[in-house]
C-alpha atoms as a PDB file:
ATOM      1  CA  UNK A   1       0.000   0.000   0.000  1.00  0.00           C
ATOM      2  CA  UNK A   2       1.148   3.534  -0.770  1.00  0.00           C
ATOM      3  CA  UNK A   3       0.752   5.945   2.155  1.00  0.00           C
ATOM      4  CA  UNK A   4       3.810   8.200   1.953  1.00  0.00           C
ATOM      5  CA  UNK A   5       5.209   9.533  -1.323  1.00  0.00           C
ATOM      6  CA  UNK A   6       8.591  11.140  -1.858  1.00  0.00           C
ATOM      7  CA  UNK A   7       9.240  13.579  -4.694  1.00  0.00           C
ATOM      8  CA  UNK A   8      12.841  14.340  -5.671  1.00  0.00           C
ATOM      9  CA  UNK A   9      13.152  17.715  -7.367  1.00  0.00           C
ATOM     10  CA  UNK A  10      11.090  20.722  -6.245  1.00  0.00           C
ATOM     11  CA  UNK A  11      11.002  22.471  -9.626  1.00  0.00           C
ATOM     12  CA  UNK A  12       8.034  22.937 -11.916  1.00  0.00           C
ATOM     13  CA  UNK A  13       7.264  19.238 -12.335  1.00  0.00           C
ATOM     14  CA  UNK A  14       8.207  18.111  -8.840  1.00  0.00           C
ATOM     15  CA  UNK A  15       6.148  20.679  -6.967  1.00  0.00           C
ATOM     16  CA  UNK A  16       3.207  19.899  -9.247  1.00  0.00           C
ATOM     17  CA  UNK A  17       3.459  16.179  -8.474  1.00  0.00           C
ATOM     18  CA  UNK A  18       3.707  16.906  -4.742  1.00  0.00           C
ATOM     19  CA  UNK A  19       0.686  19.208  -5.079  1.00  0.00           C
ATOM     20  CA  UNK A  20      -1.640  16.588  -6.591  1.00  0.00           C
ATOM     21  CA  UNK A  21      -0.429  13.822  -4.254  1.00  0.00           C
ATOM     22  CA  UNK A  22      -1.135  15.950  -1.172  1.00  0.00           C
ATOM     23  CA  UNK A  23      -4.577  16.980  -2.468  1.00  0.00           C
ATOM     24  CA  UNK A  24      -5.344  13.276  -2.972  1.00  0.00           C
ATOM     25  CA  UNK A  25      -4.612  12.604   0.708  1.00  0.00           C
ATOM     26  CA  UNK A  26      -1.055  11.258   0.644  1.00  0.00           C
ATOM     27  CA  UNK A  27       1.746  12.358   2.964  1.00  0.00           C
ATOM     28  CA  UNK A  28       4.480  13.884   0.803  1.00  0.00           C
ATOM     29  CA  UNK A  29       8.183  14.591   1.263  1.00  0.00           C
ATOM     30  CA  UNK A  30       9.371  17.116  -1.330  1.00  0.00           C
ATOM     31  CA  UNK A  31      13.150  17.347  -1.549  1.00  0.00           C
ATOM     32  CA  UNK A  32      15.835  19.174  -3.484  1.00  0.00           C
ATOM     33  CA  UNK A  33      19.589  19.715  -3.300  1.00  0.00           C
ATOM     34  CA  UNK A  34      19.165  22.696  -0.984  1.00  0.00           C
ATOM     35  CA  UNK A  35      16.530  23.456   1.647  1.00  0.00           C
ATOM     36  CA  UNK A  36      15.948  26.831  -0.014  1.00  0.00           C
ATOM     37  CA  UNK A  37      14.937  25.129  -3.285  1.00  0.00           C
ATOM     38  CA  UNK A  38      12.575  22.764  -1.475  1.00  0.00           C
ATOM     39  CA  UNK A  39      11.022  25.706   0.380  1.00  0.00           C
ATOM     40  CA  UNK A  40      10.576  27.569  -2.922  1.00  0.00           C
ATOM     41  CA  UNK A  41       8.773  24.537  -4.309  1.00  0.00           C
ATOM     42  CA  UNK A  42       6.424  24.540  -1.320  1.00  0.00           C
ATOM     43  CA  UNK A  43       5.812  28.263  -1.808  1.00  0.00           C
ATOM     44  CA  UNK A  44       4.773  27.605  -5.426  1.00  0.00           C
ATOM     45  CA  UNK A  45       2.404  24.857  -4.251  1.00  0.00           C
ATOM     46  CA  UNK A  46       0.849  27.266  -1.730  1.00  0.00           C
ATOM     47  CA  UNK A  47       0.391  29.910  -4.440  1.00  0.00           C
ATOM     48  CA  UNK A  48      -1.164  27.422  -6.876  1.00  0.00           C
ATOM     49  CA  UNK A  49      -3.509  25.973  -4.241  1.00  0.00           C
ATOM     50  CA  UNK A  50      -4.572  29.493  -3.258  1.00  0.00           C
ATOM     51  CA  UNK A  51      -5.486  30.082  -6.900  1.00  0.00           C
ATOM     52  CA  UNK A  52      -7.503  26.839  -6.895  1.00  0.00           C
ATOM     53  CA  UNK A  53      -9.397  28.019  -3.800  1.00  0.00           C
ATOM     54  CA  UNK A  54     -10.194  31.371  -5.451  1.00  0.00           C
ATOM     55  CA  UNK A  55     -11.552  29.513  -8.474  1.00  0.00           C
ATOM     56  CA  UNK A  56     -13.518  27.135  -6.196  1.00  0.00           C
ATOM     57  CA  UNK A  57     -11.662  24.086  -7.503  1.00  0.00           C
ATOM     58  CA  UNK A  58     -10.838  23.120  -3.905  1.00  0.00           C
ATOM     59  CA  UNK A  59     -12.018  24.411  -0.517  1.00  0.00           C
ATOM     60  CA  UNK A  60      -9.840  26.321   1.964  1.00  0.00           C
ATOM     61  CA  UNK A  61      -9.949  23.431   4.455  1.00  0.00           C
ATOM     62  CA  UNK A  62      -8.785  21.025   1.716  1.00  0.00           C
ATOM     63  CA  UNK A  63      -5.875  23.329   0.944  1.00  0.00           C
ATOM     64  CA  UNK A  64      -4.918  23.614   4.617  1.00  0.00           C
ATOM     65  CA  UNK A  65      -5.041  19.833   5.079  1.00  0.00           C
ATOM     66  CA  UNK A  66      -3.013  19.209   1.906  1.00  0.00           C
ATOM     67  CA  UNK A  67      -0.286  21.687   2.861  1.00  0.00           C
ATOM     68  CA  UNK A  68      -0.049  20.082   6.292  1.00  0.00           C
ATOM     69  CA  UNK A  69       0.753  16.768   4.580  1.00  0.00           C
ATOM     70  CA  UNK A  70       3.790  18.175   2.712  1.00  0.00           C
ATOM     71  CA  UNK A  71       7.279  18.290   4.207  1.00  0.00           C
ATOM     72  CA  UNK A  72       9.914  20.271   2.304  1.00  0.00           C
ATOM     73  CA  UNK A  73      13.394  18.886   2.971  1.00  0.00           C
ATOM     74  CA  UNK A  74      16.964  18.747   1.712  1.00  0.00           C
ATOM     75  CA  UNK A  75      18.729  15.721   0.269  1.00  0.00           C
ATOM     76  CA  UNK A  76      17.872  12.141  -0.599  1.00  0.00           C
ATOM     77  CA  UNK A  77      18.058  10.375   2.812  1.00  0.00           C
ATOM     78  CA  UNK A  78      14.771  12.072   3.834  1.00  0.00           C
ATOM     79  CA  UNK A  79      12.926   9.540   1.653  1.00  0.00           C
ATOM     80  CA  UNK A  80      14.003   6.525   3.710  1.00  0.00           C
ATOM     81  CA  UNK A  81      10.505   5.687   4.953  1.00  0.00           C
ATOM     82  CA  UNK A  82       8.568   6.464   1.767  1.00  0.00           C
ATOM     83  CA  UNK A  83       6.490   3.770   0.073  1.00  0.00           C
ATOM     84  CA  UNK A  84       7.037   5.347  -3.353  1.00  0.00           C
ATOM     85  CA  UNK A  85       9.572   7.911  -4.521  1.00  0.00           C
ATOM     86  CA  UNK A  86       8.939   9.852  -7.738  1.00  0.00           C
ATOM     87  CA  UNK A  87      12.071  11.312  -9.336  1.00  0.00           C
ATOM     88  CA  UNK A  88      11.414  14.646 -11.049  1.00  0.00           C
ATOM     89  CA  UNK A  89      14.935  15.944 -11.633  1.00  0.00           C
ATOM     90  CA  UNK A  90      16.305  17.497 -14.825  1.00  0.00           C
ATOM     91  CA  UNK A  91      15.935  15.514 -18.052  1.00  0.00           C
ATOM     92  CA  UNK A  92      19.561  14.385 -17.867  1.00  0.00           C
ATOM     93  CA  UNK A  93      20.330  10.684 -17.680  1.00  0.00           C
ATOM     94  CA  UNK A  94      23.550  11.031 -15.683  1.00  0.00           C
ATOM     95  CA  UNK A  95      21.810  13.133 -13.031  1.00  0.00           C
ATOM     96  CA  UNK A  96      18.951  10.665 -12.765  1.00  0.00           C
ATOM     97  CA  UNK A  97      21.269   7.648 -12.513  1.00  0.00           C
ATOM     98  CA  UNK A  98      23.266   9.261  -9.709  1.00  0.00           C
ATOM     99  CA  UNK A  99      20.033   9.996  -7.825  1.00  0.00           C
ATOM    100  CA  UNK A 100      18.805   6.408  -8.107  1.00  0.00           C
ATOM    101  CA  UNK A 101      22.110   4.941  -6.969  1.00  0.00           C
ATOM    102  CA  UNK A 102      22.088   7.058  -3.812  1.00  0.00           C
ATOM    103  CA  UNK A 103      18.357   6.645  -3.232  1.00  0.00           C
ATOM    104  CA  UNK A 104      18.608   2.866  -3.148  1.00  0.00           C
ATOM    105  CA  UNK A 105      21.068   3.010  -0.249  1.00  0.00           C
ATOM    106  CA  UNK A 106      18.371   4.678   1.883  1.00  0.00           C
ATOM    107  CA  UNK A 107      15.059   3.168   0.725  1.00  0.00           C
ATOM    108  CA  UNK A 108      13.308   0.546   2.785  1.00  0.00           C
ATOM    109  CA  UNK A 109      12.742  -2.912   1.230  1.00  0.00           C
ATOM    110  CA  UNK A 110       9.677  -3.021  -0.990  1.00  0.00           C
ATOM    111  CA  UNK A 111       9.602   0.713  -1.654  1.00  0.00           C
ATOM    112  CA  UNK A 112       8.827   1.561  -5.279  1.00  0.00           C
ATOM    113  CA  UNK A 113      10.538   4.114  -7.526  1.00  0.00           C
ATOM    114  CA  UNK A 114       8.968   6.020 -10.424  1.00  0.00           C
ATOM    115  CA  UNK A 115      10.742   8.340 -12.828  1.00  0.00           C
ATOM    116  CA  UNK A 116       9.014  11.346 -14.348  1.00  0.00           C
ATOM    117  CA  UNK A 117      11.380  11.184 -17.324  1.00  0.00           C
ATOM    118  CA  UNK A 118       9.735  12.289 -20.541  1.00  0.00           C
ATOM    119  CA  UNK A 119      11.976  10.352 -22.922  1.00  0.00           C
ATOM    120  CA  UNK A 120      14.759   8.247 -21.336  1.00  0.00           C
ATOM    121  CA  UNK A 121      14.704   4.429 -21.316  1.00  0.00           C
ATOM    122  CA  UNK A 122      12.982   3.135 -18.179  1.00  0.00           C
ATOM    123  CA  UNK A 123      14.783  -0.191 -18.491  1.00  0.00           C
ATOM    124  CA  UNK A 124      18.158   1.562 -18.550  1.00  0.00           C
ATOM    125  CA  UNK A 125      17.313   3.787 -15.573  1.00  0.00           C
ATOM    126  CA  UNK A 126      16.013   0.791 -13.618  1.00  0.00           C
ATOM    127  CA  UNK A 127      19.316  -1.027 -14.151  1.00  0.00           C
ATOM    128  CA  UNK A 128      21.002   1.552 -11.876  1.00  0.00           C
ATOM    129  CA  UNK A 129      18.818   0.463  -8.959  1.00  0.00           C
ATOM    130  CA  UNK A 130      18.667  -2.580  -6.714  1.00  0.00           C
ATOM    131  CA  UNK A 131      14.954  -3.043  -7.475  1.00  0.00           C
ATOM    132  CA  UNK A 132      14.250  -3.044 -11.205  1.00  0.00           C
ATOM    133  CA  UNK A 133      11.017  -4.955 -10.559  1.00  0.00           C
ATOM    134  CA  UNK A 134       9.783  -2.069  -8.394  1.00  0.00           C
ATOM    135  CA  UNK A 135      10.700   0.629 -10.911  1.00  0.00           C
ATOM    136  CA  UNK A 136       8.677   2.208 -13.728  1.00  0.00           C
ATOM    137  CA  UNK A 137       7.998   5.437 -15.589  1.00  0.00           C
ATOM    138  CA  UNK A 138       5.292   7.835 -14.433  1.00  0.00           C
ATOM    139  CA  UNK A 139       5.391  10.769 -16.843  1.00  0.00           C
ATOM    140  CA  UNK A 140       3.169  13.629 -15.687  1.00  0.00           C
ATOM    141  CA  UNK A 141       2.233  16.461 -18.049  1.00  0.00           C
ATOM    142  CA  UNK A 142       2.961  20.120 -17.346  1.00  0.00           C
ATOM    143  CA  UNK A 143       1.346  21.909 -15.513  1.00  0.00           C
ATOM    144  CA  UNK A 144       0.659  18.873 -13.335  1.00  0.00           C
ATOM    145  CA  UNK A 145      -2.348  20.207 -11.345  1.00  0.00           C
ATOM    146  CA  UNK A 146      -4.196  21.038 -14.587  1.00  0.00           C
ATOM    147  CA  UNK A 147      -3.189  18.310 -17.039  1.00  0.00           C
ATOM    148  CA  UNK A 148      -5.104  15.056 -16.705  1.00  0.00           C
ATOM    149  CA  UNK A 149      -2.761  12.657 -18.499  1.00  0.00           C
ATOM    150  CA  UNK A 150      -0.026  10.486 -16.967  1.00  0.00           C
ATOM    151  CA  UNK A 151       1.982   8.192 -19.231  1.00  0.00           C
ATOM    152  CA  UNK A 152       2.800   4.880 -17.548  1.00  0.00           C
ATOM    153  CA  UNK A 153       5.856   3.046 -18.874  1.00  0.00           C
ATOM    154  CA  UNK A 154       7.029  -0.390 -17.802  1.00  0.00           C
ATOM    155  CA  UNK A 155      10.663  -1.387 -17.959  1.00  0.00           C
ATOM    156  CA  UNK A 156      11.503  -4.908 -19.071  1.00  0.00           C
ATOM    157  CA  UNK A 157      11.689  -6.031 -15.418  1.00  0.00           C
ATOM    158  CA  UNK A 158       8.762  -4.049 -13.967  1.00  0.00           C
ATOM    159  CA  UNK A 159       6.501  -6.427 -12.057  1.00  0.00           C
ATOM    160  CA  UNK A 160       2.746  -6.653 -12.531  1.00  0.00           C
ATOM    161  CA  UNK A 161       2.254  -5.706  -8.865  1.00  0.00           C
ATOM    162  CA  UNK A 162       4.279  -2.512  -9.318  1.00  0.00           C
ATOM    163  CA  UNK A 163       2.403  -1.549 -12.469  1.00  0.00           C
ATOM    164  CA  UNK A 164      -0.973  -2.234 -10.828  1.00  0.00           C
ATOM    165  CA  UNK A 165      -0.059  -0.136  -7.772  1.00  0.00           C
ATOM    166  CA  UNK A 166       1.107   2.841  -9.858  1.00  0.00           C
ATOM    167  CA  UNK A 167      -1.902   2.532 -12.159  1.00  0.00           C
ATOM    168  CA  UNK A 168      -4.233   2.625  -9.143  1.00  0.00           C
ATOM    169  CA  UNK A 169      -2.359   5.615  -7.714  1.00  0.00           C
ATOM    170  CA  UNK A 170      -2.725   7.488 -11.007  1.00  0.00           C
ATOM    171  CA  UNK A 171      -6.494   7.072 -10.835  1.00  0.00           C
ATOM    172  CA  UNK A 172      -6.582   8.186  -7.183  1.00  0.00           C
ATOM    173  CA  UNK A 173      -4.746  11.357  -8.207  1.00  0.00           C
ATOM    174  CA  UNK A 174      -7.630  12.108 -10.568  1.00  0.00           C
ATOM    175  CA  UNK A 175      -5.469  11.496 -13.637  1.00  0.00           C
ATOM    176  CA  UNK A 176      -6.063   9.424 -16.751  1.00  0.00           C
ATOM    177  CA  UNK A 177      -3.341   6.826 -17.403  1.00  0.00           C
ATOM    178  CA  UNK A 178      -2.053   6.063 -20.905  1.00  0.00           C
ATOM    179  CA  UNK A 179       0.240   3.055 -21.213  1.00  0.00           C
ATOM    180  CA  UNK A 180       3.310   3.396 -23.425  1.00  0.00           C
ATOM    181  CA  UNK A 181       5.988   0.928 -24.420  1.00  0.00           C
ATOM    182  CA  UNK A 182       9.548   1.748 -23.376  1.00  0.00           C
ATOM    183  CA  UNK A 183      10.698   3.478 -26.582  1.00  0.00           C
ATOM    184  CA  UNK A 184      12.497   6.841 -26.790  1.00  0.00           C
ATOM    185  CA  UNK A 185      10.075   9.711 -26.156  1.00  0.00           C
ATOM    186  CA  UNK A 186       7.233   7.313 -25.280  1.00  0.00           C
ATOM    187  CA  UNK A 187       3.963   8.507 -26.898  1.00  0.00           C
ATOM    188  CA  UNK A 188       3.504  12.202 -26.097  1.00  0.00           C
ATOM    189  CA  UNK A 189       7.005  13.429 -26.882  1.00  0.00           C
ATOM    190  CA  UNK A 190       7.504  11.029 -29.780  1.00  0.00           C
ATOM    191  CA  UNK A 191       4.747  13.029 -31.484  1.00  0.00           C
ATOM    192  CA  UNK A 192       5.042  16.489 -29.881  1.00  0.00           C
ATOM    193  CA  UNK A 193       8.784  17.149 -29.973  1.00  0.00           C
ATOM    194  CA  UNK A 194       9.316  16.498 -33.694  1.00  0.00           C
ATOM    195  CA  UNK A 195       6.461  18.948 -34.343  1.00  0.00           C
ATOM    196  CA  UNK A 196       8.180  21.599 -32.194  1.00  0.00           C
ATOM    197  CA  UNK A 197      11.536  20.817 -33.831  1.00  0.00           C
ATOM    198  CA  UNK A 198       9.936  21.178 -37.281  1.00  0.00           C
ATOM    199  CA  UNK A 199       8.492  24.544 -36.233  1.00  0.00           C
ATOM    200  CA  UNK A 200      12.021  25.636 -35.287  1.00  0.00           C
ATOM    201  CA  UNK A 201      13.277  24.425 -38.691  1.00  0.00           C
ATOM    202  CA  UNK A 202      10.468  26.413 -40.336  1.00  0.00           C
ATOM    203  CA  UNK A 203      11.773  29.504 -38.549  1.00  0.00           C
ATOM    204  CA  UNK A 204      15.427  28.604 -39.241  1.00  0.00           C
ATOM    205  CA  UNK A 205      14.802  28.223 -42.972  1.00  0.00           C
ATOM    206  CA  UNK A 206      12.838  31.482 -43.183  1.00  0.00           C
ATOM    207  CA  UNK A 207       9.535  29.910 -44.187  1.00  0.00           C
ATOM    208  CA  UNK A 208       7.774  32.043 -41.605  1.00  0.00           C
ATOM    209  CA  UNK A 209       8.511  34.273 -38.643  1.00  0.00           C
ATOM    210  CA  UNK A 210       7.748  33.387 -35.014  1.00  0.00           C
ATOM    211  CA  UNK A 211       4.339  35.061 -34.894  1.00  0.00           C
ATOM    212  CA  UNK A 212       3.243  33.620 -38.271  1.00  0.00           C
ATOM    213  CA  UNK A 213       4.261  30.080 -37.293  1.00  0.00           C
ATOM    214  CA  UNK A 214       2.466  30.184 -33.940  1.00  0.00           C
ATOM    215  CA  UNK A 215      -0.608  31.937 -35.366  1.00  0.00           C
ATOM    216  CA  UNK A 216      -0.864  29.350 -38.144  1.00  0.00           C
ATOM    217  CA  UNK A 217      -0.910  26.460 -35.666  1.00  0.00           C
ATOM    218  CA  UNK A 218      -3.266  28.192 -33.225  1.00  0.00           C
ATOM    219  CA  UNK A 219      -5.849  29.332 -35.755  1.00  0.00           C
ATOM    220  CA  UNK A 220      -5.218  26.778 -38.493  1.00  0.00           C
ATOM    221  CA  UNK A 221      -5.133  23.616 -36.388  1.00  0.00           C
ATOM    222  CA  UNK A 222      -6.913  24.868 -33.241  1.00  0.00           C
ATOM    223  CA  UNK A 223      -3.920  24.396 -30.926  1.00  0.00           C
ATOM    224  CA  UNK A 224      -4.297  26.413 -27.700  1.00  0.00           C
ATOM    225  CA  UNK A 225      -0.693  27.572 -27.989  1.00  0.00           C
ATOM    226  CA  UNK A 226       1.729  27.818 -30.911  1.00  0.00           C
ATOM    227  CA  UNK A 227       4.656  25.340 -31.006  1.00  0.00           C
ATOM    228  CA  UNK A 228       7.358  27.976 -30.434  1.00  0.00           C
ATOM    229  CA  UNK A 229       5.579  29.489 -27.466  1.00  0.00           C
ATOM    230  CA  UNK A 230       4.923  25.991 -26.137  1.00  0.00           C
ATOM    231  CA  UNK A 231       8.628  25.216 -26.465  1.00  0.00           C
ATOM    232  CA  UNK A 232       9.363  28.301 -24.340  1.00  0.00           C
ATOM    233  CA  UNK A 233       7.021  27.046 -21.632  1.00  0.00           C
ATOM    234  CA  UNK A 234       8.490  23.534 -21.689  1.00  0.00           C
ATOM    235  CA  UNK A 235      12.069  24.879 -21.695  1.00  0.00           C
ATOM    236  CA  UNK A 236      14.242  24.843 -24.803  1.00  0.00           C
ATOM    237  CA  UNK A 237      16.917  22.837 -22.971  1.00  0.00           C
ATOM    238  CA  UNK A 238      14.335  20.158 -22.209  1.00  0.00           C
ATOM    239  CA  UNK A 239      13.140  20.166 -25.833  1.00  0.00           C
ATOM    240  CA  UNK A 240      16.726  19.758 -27.033  1.00  0.00           C
ATOM    241  CA  UNK A 241      17.431  16.942 -24.563  1.00  0.00           C
ATOM    242  CA  UNK A 242      14.370  15.016 -25.721  1.00  0.00           C
ATOM    243  CA  UNK A 243      15.230  15.508 -29.397  1.00  0.00           C
ATOM    244  CA  UNK A 244      18.739  14.218 -28.707  1.00  0.00           C
ATOM    245  CA  UNK A 245      17.276  11.135 -27.004  1.00  0.00           C
ATOM    246  CA  UNK A 246      15.008  10.535 -30.018  1.00  0.00           C
ATOM    247  CA  UNK A 247      17.838  11.097 -32.505  1.00  0.00           C
ATOM    248  CA  UNK A 248      20.302   8.837 -30.705  1.00  0.00           C
ATOM    249  CA  UNK A 249      17.757   6.206 -29.716  1.00  0.00           C
ATOM    250  CA  UNK A 250      15.989   5.830 -33.052  1.00  0.00           C
ATOM    251  CA  UNK A 251      18.906   6.634 -35.418  1.00  0.00           C
ATOM    252  CA  UNK A 252      16.653   8.459 -37.855  1.00  0.00           C
ATOM    253  CA  UNK A 253      17.682  11.801 -39.385  1.00  0.00           C
ATOM    254  CA  UNK A 254      14.135  13.132 -39.083  1.00  0.00           C
ATOM    255  CA  UNK A 255      14.783  13.541 -35.342  1.00  0.00           C
ATOM    256  CA  UNK A 256      17.949  15.648 -35.787  1.00  0.00           C
ATOM    257  CA  UNK A 257      17.674  18.712 -33.512  1.00  0.00           C
ATOM    258  CA  UNK A 258      17.439  21.972 -35.449  1.00  0.00           C
ATOM    259  CA  UNK A 259      20.703  23.974 -35.260  1.00  0.00           C
ATOM    260  CA  UNK A 260      18.712  27.046 -34.246  1.00  0.00           C
ATOM    261  CA  UNK A 261      17.327  25.199 -31.218  1.00  0.00           C
ATOM    262  CA  UNK A 262      20.886  24.260 -30.269  1.00  0.00           C
ATOM    263  CA  UNK A 263      21.990  27.895 -30.678  1.00  0.00           C
ATOM    264  CA  UNK A 264      19.238  29.229 -28.412  1.00  0.00           C
ATOM    265  CA  UNK A 265      20.174  26.722 -25.697  1.00  0.00           C
ATOM    266  CA  UNK A 266      23.857  27.592 -26.026  1.00  0.00           C
ATOM    267  CA  UNK A 267      22.931  31.265 -25.603  1.00  0.00           C
ATOM    268  CA  UNK A 268      21.045  30.450 -22.405  1.00  0.00           C
ATOM    269  CA  UNK A 269      17.753  31.510 -23.979  1.00  0.00           C
ATOM    270  CA  UNK A 270      15.758  28.641 -22.516  1.00  0.00           C
ATOM    271  CA  UNK A 271      12.285  30.146 -22.571  1.00  0.00           C
ATOM    272  CA  UNK A 272      10.029  31.415 -19.802  1.00  0.00           C
ATOM    273  CA  UNK A 273      12.287  30.247 -16.959  1.00  0.00           C
ATOM    274  CA  UNK A 274      15.168  32.455 -18.142  1.00  0.00           C
ATOM    275  CA  UNK A 275      12.980  35.301 -19.416  1.00  0.00           C
ATOM    276  CA  UNK A 276      13.913  34.782 -23.048  1.00  0.00           C
ATOM    277  CA  UNK A 277      13.487  32.090 -25.665  1.00  0.00           C
ATOM    278  CA  UNK A 278      11.617  32.451 -28.931  1.00  0.00           C
ATOM    279  CA  UNK A 279       9.805  35.243 -27.098  1.00  0.00           C
ATOM    280  CA  UNK A 280      11.079  37.838 -24.625  1.00  0.00           C
ATOM    281  CA  UNK A 281       9.176  37.671 -21.308  1.00  0.00           C
ATOM    282  CA  UNK A 282      11.184  40.241 -19.345  1.00  0.00           C
ATOM    283  CA  UNK A 283       8.694  43.120 -19.564  1.00  0.00           C
ATOM    284  CA  UNK A 284       5.215  43.305 -18.055  1.00  0.00           C
ATOM    285  CA  UNK A 285       3.515  43.562 -21.424  1.00  0.00           C
ATOM    286  CA  UNK A 286       2.810  40.961 -24.086  1.00  0.00           C
ATOM    287  CA  UNK A 287       5.817  38.699 -24.857  1.00  0.00           C
ATOM    288  CA  UNK A 288       7.673  39.916 -27.963  1.00  0.00           C
ATOM    289  CA  UNK A 289       9.392  37.696 -30.565  1.00  0.00           C
ATOM    290  CA  UNK A 290      13.172  37.570 -30.245  1.00  0.00           C
ATOM    291  CA  UNK A 291      13.682  36.949 -33.924  1.00  0.00           C
END
């Protein structure tokens, strides 16, 4: 049974996962490298829950009870008594592997591990642990409190009991599970990221400017957000990492990251989180194209 859930990484994805777990009634330990980062994650959760109360999505007493269930802490040892730990660190395989190796030295027997990776092989990540049968992918969508989908990915050694427990948890969180095979990018990013990469190529080759590309996809295909603006919200470094996983994992030139995407990442223009990507977000007005 899952009673206490650990979340490693208090950034955008991690605090969102902690948010929905606490609302669903689970005790949550939210950790990061530094206490300050964990506290910032808890502050974001408080802000987002306050917004939910104002919109009458949840009641004030539900918010108070959920916040009381969350502990913000530093480091990995704080997850020693968790029944499930969800890793939500950067989309970097080396970082994730180092986390799992340390985590396994602290976890109690029988505790499960889930990775929120959006593209990396679950089987390969599980091989860094001492419990591959208790390991699987649990890919939440961003922003977690609003998006209903969770991709569930089994590694080659994931047990039926582990899958059933995580599947049941997904439903208790009010999410809809979609099962994907363990291939690079899974389902969502196998389809989404090449579209974003193609939009960047369309800009790179001068077929259209930023506003024309995003307007075409919003009004022409009824997308709520254009692909370049969406890339800014996801993070251009994350988009590039996923494209590199697709390109290396599937060995198909159609997944080659656009050189312009690489250039933006090299410049540190990563999107909303740095204030500049395909759009400039540093003023109070409407974001302006950077190109």
